[in-house]
Amino acid sequence: MKNKDMPRVVKAKQPFRFYTRLHLSELTGLRAATLSQLLSIIRQVSGSCIYHHTHRFLQQHQYLSPEPPNDFAYWVTEVLNEDALGEKLASIDTIQFSTIRTLREKIIKTIEDYLKDNPLAKMKFAQEGEEFHFIKSLSFVLPTNYTVHNLKEFVEVLGKITIDSIYFHVFEARLRLEKGTNDFSYWIDTSVGDKGLALEIAKLDPYTYTIGDLRKTVIKIINKRISG
């Protein structure tokens, strides 16, 4: 339904500055050979470590098919041969969690519940060289040359910024920075004043798109709004 009181292109209260990020992976020196060890370390590592092991595939293979597996599920299945637990970990819907803290808690509970029901799983050891090595994700945020003042300018820049920039504003802002929503929706809501458009973009599940397709989808939604 059209909002007759709202112009299609209005000047935002605050301009939107596009940022990008450089990403580095760093070994923590921590490793696990059993489920008990994996669980213990998951409880204590930094949020950047949990982020890396649940988003690494998406970061490195933005053009490939969506629904990336997390590293915990892969290791549990392929190394310890605990297929049932691997399926439970792989089925954790990352989009439901607005913070790394709550995502970590879900992973911990999933493993804890499995060990209660399958105590013999504690006895399985990874072979030498197949231990789970914990890695943390380091991000360096950098400003781009793009600043926009309305939706028309926004959608023009969105069509040409890098995938790394989109990744930062959609994934890192929502989850690692604990904003609760992506930067695009936040700006459209608070500065442009279009809550309906902001919500429509916020409701997209970014984990079911490649980043390239996510860009196209957001552009299409905003263009439809602008054209009325």
Protein backbone atom coordinates (compact mmCIF):
# COMPACT_ATOMS: atom_id res chain seq x y z
CA MET A 1 0.00 0.00 0.00
CA LYS A 2 1.38 3.40 -0.97
CA ASN A 3 2.04 6.04 1.65
CA LYS A 4 0.49 9.16 0.07
CA ASP A 5 2.01 11.44 2.70
CA MET A 6 5.59 10.46 1.89
CA PRO A 7 7.47 11.74 -1.18
CA ARG A 8 9.26 9.02 -3.11
CA VAL A 9 12.62 10.79 -2.80
CA VAL A 10 13.18 12.78 0.38
CA LYS A 11 16.37 14.21 1.79
CA ALA A 12 17.57 12.16 4.74
CA LYS A 13 18.03 13.79 8.14
CA GLN A 14 21.52 12.32 8.19
CA PRO A 15 23.56 11.19 5.14
CA PHE A 16 24.55 7.55 4.78
CA ARG A 17 28.28 6.88 4.62
CA PHE A 18 29.28 3.59 3.03
CA TYR A 19 32.07 1.67 4.73
CA THR A 20 33.99 -1.44 3.78
CA ARG A 21 36.17 -3.85 5.69
CA LEU A 22 39.36 -5.82 5.33
CA HIS A 23 39.25 -9.27 6.87
CA LEU A 24 42.08 -11.30 8.42
CA SER A 25 41.99 -14.69 10.11
CA GLU A 26 44.23 -15.41 13.08
CA LEU A 27 44.95 -18.72 14.85
CA THR A 28 44.12 -18.66 18.56
CA GLY A 29 46.34 -21.61 19.44
CA LEU A 30 43.32 -23.43 20.90
CA ARG A 31 42.28 -26.82 19.58
CA ALA A 32 39.85 -29.60 20.46
CA ALA A 33 40.07 -33.35 19.93
CA THR A 34 36.79 -34.31 21.65
CA LEU A 35 33.28 -32.93 21.97
CA SER A 36 33.91 -32.07 25.61
CA GLN A 37 36.98 -30.06 24.66
CA LEU A 38 35.10 -28.39 21.81
CA LEU A 39 32.30 -27.39 24.19
CA SER A 40 34.71 -26.05 26.82
CA ILE A 41 36.57 -23.86 24.34
CA ILE A 42 33.40 -22.58 22.67
CA ARG A 43 32.35 -21.28 26.10
CA GLN A 44 35.52 -19.22 26.55
CA VAL A 45 36.67 -17.96 23.13
CA SER A 46 35.99 -14.45 21.92
CA GLY A 47 32.92 -13.54 19.92
CA SER A 48 35.14 -12.93 16.89
CA CYS A 49 36.05 -16.62 17.02
CA ILE A 50 32.44 -17.78 17.07
CA TYR A 51 31.72 -15.35 14.25
CA HIS A 52 34.54 -16.77 12.13
CA HIS A 53 33.41 -20.37 12.47
CA THR A 54 29.77 -19.60 11.69
CA HIS A 55 30.38 -17.13 8.83
CA ARG A 56 33.68 -18.14 7.25
CA PHE A 57 32.11 -19.87 4.25
CA LEU A 58 29.90 -16.89 3.52
CA GLN A 59 32.82 -14.46 3.76
CA GLN A 60 35.08 -16.44 1.43
CA HIS A 61 32.57 -17.66 -1.14
CA GLN A 62 30.11 -14.83 -1.63
CA TYR A 63 29.18 -15.89 -5.15
CA LEU A 64 28.37 -19.50 -4.31
CA SER A 65 25.09 -21.00 -3.22
CA PRO A 66 23.60 -19.81 0.07
CA GLU A 67 22.94 -21.75 3.28
CA PRO A 68 26.62 -22.12 4.26
CA PRO A 69 27.48 -24.85 6.80
CA ASN A 70 29.20 -23.81 10.01
CA ASP A 71 32.62 -25.23 10.86
CA PHE A 72 31.42 -26.90 14.06
CA ALA A 73 28.83 -28.96 12.20
CA TYR A 74 31.36 -29.96 9.55
CA TRP A 75 33.99 -31.13 12.07
CA VAL A 76 31.53 -33.04 14.25
CA THR A 77 30.20 -34.87 11.19
CA GLU A 78 33.33 -35.47 9.14
CA VAL A 79 35.90 -36.04 11.90
CA LEU A 80 33.97 -37.46 14.86
CA ASN A 81 31.29 -39.11 12.72
CA GLU A 82 28.53 -37.82 14.99
CA ASP A 83 26.06 -37.27 12.16
CA ALA A 84 23.04 -36.57 14.36
CA LEU A 85 24.80 -33.77 16.23
CA GLY A 86 26.23 -32.45 12.97
CA GLU A 87 22.71 -32.13 11.58
CA LYS A 88 21.52 -30.33 14.71
CA LEU A 89 24.39 -27.84 14.53
CA ALA A 90 23.95 -27.32 10.78
CA SER A 91 20.24 -26.65 11.25
CA ILE A 92 20.80 -23.74 13.63
CA ASP A 93 19.13 -20.79 11.89
CA THR A 94 21.71 -18.02 12.20
CA ILE A 95 19.27 -15.29 11.14
CA GLN A 96 17.25 -15.84 14.33
CA PHE A 97 20.10 -14.53 16.45
CA SER A 98 20.77 -10.81 16.69
CA THR A 99 23.97 -11.21 18.72
CA ILE A 100 26.98 -13.50 18.77
CA ARG A 101 26.29 -14.13 22.45
CA THR A 102 22.89 -15.70 21.81
CA LEU A 103 24.24 -17.68 18.85
CA ARG A 104 27.04 -19.03 21.06
CA GLU A 105 24.50 -20.02 23.73
CA LYS A 106 22.46 -21.96 21.17
CA ILE A 107 25.53 -23.86 19.96
CA ILE A 108 26.52 -24.66 23.54
CA LYS A 109 23.06 -25.92 24.48
CA THR A 110 22.86 -28.05 21.34
CA ILE A 111 26.12 -29.82 22.19
CA GLU A 112 25.28 -30.11 25.91
CA ASP A 113 21.90 -31.71 25.20
CA TYR A 114 23.47 -34.14 22.76
CA LEU A 115 26.13 -35.23 25.26
CA LYS A 116 23.47 -35.82 27.92
CA ASP A 117 21.59 -38.15 25.60
CA ASN A 118 24.75 -39.71 24.11
CA PRO A 119 27.37 -39.96 26.90
CA LEU A 120 29.55 -42.34 24.88
CA ALA A 121 30.15 -39.54 22.39
CA LYS A 122 32.52 -38.05 24.97
CA MET A 123 34.88 -40.95 24.35
CA LYS A 124 35.49 -40.19 20.69
CA PHE A 125 38.81 -38.57 19.82
CA ALA A 126 39.84 -36.91 16.58
CA GLN A 127 42.86 -38.49 14.97
CA GLU A 128 46.12 -36.61 15.23
CA GLY A 129 46.14 -33.76 12.75
CA GLU A 130 42.32 -33.62 12.57
CA GLU A 131 41.69 -31.61 15.73
CA PHE A 132 39.42 -28.57 15.57
CA HIS A 133 41.61 -25.47 15.44
CA PHE A 134 39.95 -22.29 16.67
CA ILE A 135 40.47 -19.20 14.53
CA LYS A 136 39.29 -15.68 15.17
CA SER A 137 38.13 -13.15 12.61
CA LEU A 138 39.73 -9.71 12.61
CA SER A 139 38.00 -6.92 10.70
CA PHE A 140 39.41 -3.52 9.82
CA VAL A 141 36.67 -1.06 8.95
CA LEU A 142 37.47 1.65 6.41
CA PRO A 143 35.34 4.52 5.03
CA THR A 144 34.65 4.61 1.28
CA ASN A 145 34.32 7.75 -0.84
CA TYR A 146 30.54 7.33 -1.05
CA THR A 147 28.11 9.42 0.99
CA VAL A 148 24.44 9.66 -0.03
CA HIS A 149 21.60 11.95 1.01
CA ASN A 150 18.46 10.26 -0.34
CA LEU A 151 17.18 6.92 -1.62
CA LYS A 152 17.91 7.72 -5.26
CA GLU A 153 21.58 8.35 -4.51
CA PHE A 154 21.62 5.37 -2.17
CA VAL A 155 20.43 2.88 -4.77
CA GLU A 156 22.87 4.26 -7.36
CA VAL A 157 25.83 3.69 -5.05
CA LEU A 158 24.51 0.32 -3.88
CA GLY A 159 24.80 -0.86 -7.46
CA LYS A 160 28.54 -0.21 -7.62
CA ILE A 161 30.02 -0.62 -4.13
CA THR A 162 32.06 -3.73 -3.38
CA ILE A 163 30.65 -6.94 -1.98
CA ASP A 164 32.83 -6.40 1.09
CA SER A 165 30.95 -3.17 1.78
CA ILE A 166 27.57 -4.86 1.49
CA TYR A 167 28.79 -7.66 3.75
CA PHE A 168 29.85 -5.16 6.40
CA HIS A 169 26.60 -3.19 6.39
CA VAL A 170 24.33 -6.25 6.33
CA PHE A 171 26.07 -8.99 8.30
CA GLU A 172 28.69 -7.44 10.55
CA ALA A 173 26.57 -4.47 11.61
CA ARG A 174 23.65 -6.70 12.60
CA LEU A 175 25.48 -9.52 14.34
CA ARG A 176 28.98 -8.60 15.47
CA LEU A 177 28.15 -4.98 16.25
CA GLU A 178 24.83 -6.00 17.85
CA LYS A 179 22.71 -3.37 16.12
CA GLY A 180 19.75 -5.72 15.80
CA THR A 181 19.20 -4.79 12.16
CA ASN A 182 21.29 -4.01 9.10
CA ASP A 183 22.70 -0.51 8.51
CA PHE A 184 20.55 0.04 5.42
CA SER A 185 17.25 -0.52 7.24
CA TYR A 186 18.39 1.51 10.23
CA TRP A 187 19.23 4.52 8.06
CA ILE A 188 16.05 4.27 5.98
CA ASP A 189 13.98 4.11 9.16
CA THR A 190 15.68 6.76 11.29
CA SER A 191 16.96 9.23 8.67
CA VAL A 192 14.72 8.79 5.63
CA GLY A 193 11.66 8.11 7.77
CA ASP A 194 10.27 5.24 5.71
CA LYS A 195 9.55 2.54 8.29
CA GLY A 196 7.70 0.35 5.79
CA LEU A 197 10.64 0.19 3.39
CA ALA A 198 13.08 -0.31 6.25
CA LEU A 199 11.07 -3.25 7.54
CA GLU A 200 10.74 -4.81 4.10
CA ILE A 201 14.52 -4.85 3.72
CA ALA A 202 15.10 -5.94 7.32
CA LYS A 203 12.78 -8.94 6.83
CA LEU A 204 14.95 -10.33 4.03
CA ASP A 205 16.93 -13.38 5.13
CA PRO A 206 20.45 -12.52 3.85
CA TYR A 207 21.65 -16.07 4.50
CA THR A 208 19.43 -17.40 1.71
CA TYR A 209 21.00 -15.16 -0.95
CA THR A 210 24.40 -14.83 -2.47
CA ILE A 211 25.61 -11.32 -1.69
CA GLY A 212 25.31 -10.42 -5.38
CA ASP A 213 21.67 -11.50 -5.41
CA LEU A 214 21.04 -9.69 -2.13
CA ARG A 215 22.31 -6.49 -3.74
CA LYS A 216 19.94 -6.94 -6.70
CA THR A 217 16.99 -7.66 -4.41
CA VAL A 218 17.51 -4.57 -2.23
CA ILE A 219 17.95 -2.37 -5.33
CA LYS A 220 14.72 -3.75 -6.80
CA ILE A 221 12.78 -3.08 -3.58
CA ILE A 222 14.02 0.50 -3.29
CA ASN A 223 13.48 1.28 -6.98
CA LYS A 224 9.91 0.06 -6.68
CA ARG A 225 9.41 2.34 -3.69
CA ILE A 226 10.93 5.36 -5.46
CA SER A 227 8.92 4.87 -8.65
CA GLY A 228 5.75 4.46 -6.65
